[in-house]
Amino acid sequence: MRGWYFKSVLAAVLIFFILSASFLKAAPRTKNNVLLITIDTIRPDRFSCYSTEHLKTPHIDSLAERGIVFEKAFAHNPTTLPSHTNILLGTTSLYHGVHDNTNFFVHDDLLTLPEHLKAQGYKTAAFVGAYVLDSRFGLAQGFDVYDDSFDFNTDKTIFTVERKADIVLDKALEWLKEEREPWFVWIHCYDPHVPYDPPEPYKTRHRKSLYDGEVAYVDHALGRLADYLGE
């Protein structure tokens, strides 16, 4: 039974590669822009494409309508730096060695997604909202631009130093409007992370749940990006 199963899986894999090779050979060699958006500490039930119990998130829902929504997805790590390292390297902490925030960094001998795409002729840029993703921790490798300027003249700890989503989006849109080549852009929003302090009118509108206010604010900010790309 095991032998039959193994042969079936092997045959399926071989067919997949044959079909993929045929498709790639026939397909025109064009380069699509690649956009990665990550939002820290977000609950799926706050996206209305998953649940309408708490919020309406029309801009994120518009992405869901045109794409694929995963019913089950699991993070290998519960903290920001390791999770984003997993995404940008396609590996886990057991391989890349980044197990937590601030006390770990990505070694420069590891291949990242932006490094790979840069070698394929892409312009690469990142705009991050949290100090725990500062370039000093190693994720900047392969990016032409890694925008991570933070204001430390506050009483916040290094775990809560952040930039609001509008600032991150301002920087990203400024860069995108000057680019015409194929690009890879990573936009990271930290707002739903503690402390919960959404700007108005979201603070008043969601005073009973400031966390919900942060999520609604991020959805609104990302709408600016969606409008620009739509144009």
Foldseek 3Di string as FASTA:
>chain_A
DVVVVVVVVVVVVVVVVVVVVVCVVPDDPDFAAAEAEAEPPDDPCLDVVRPPPQDYLPQVVVVCVVDPDDPDDDAPANADPQRVCCVFQVHHCVPQVDHYFDVAAGDPVGDTNLQVVVVVVAAEEEQEWALSVPCVRPPCPNHPYYHDDWDPPDPDDSGPTTDALLVSLVVVVVVVVPDDTRYYYYYYHHQLPPPQDADPPLCVVPVVDSSSSSVNRNSVSVVVVVVVVVD
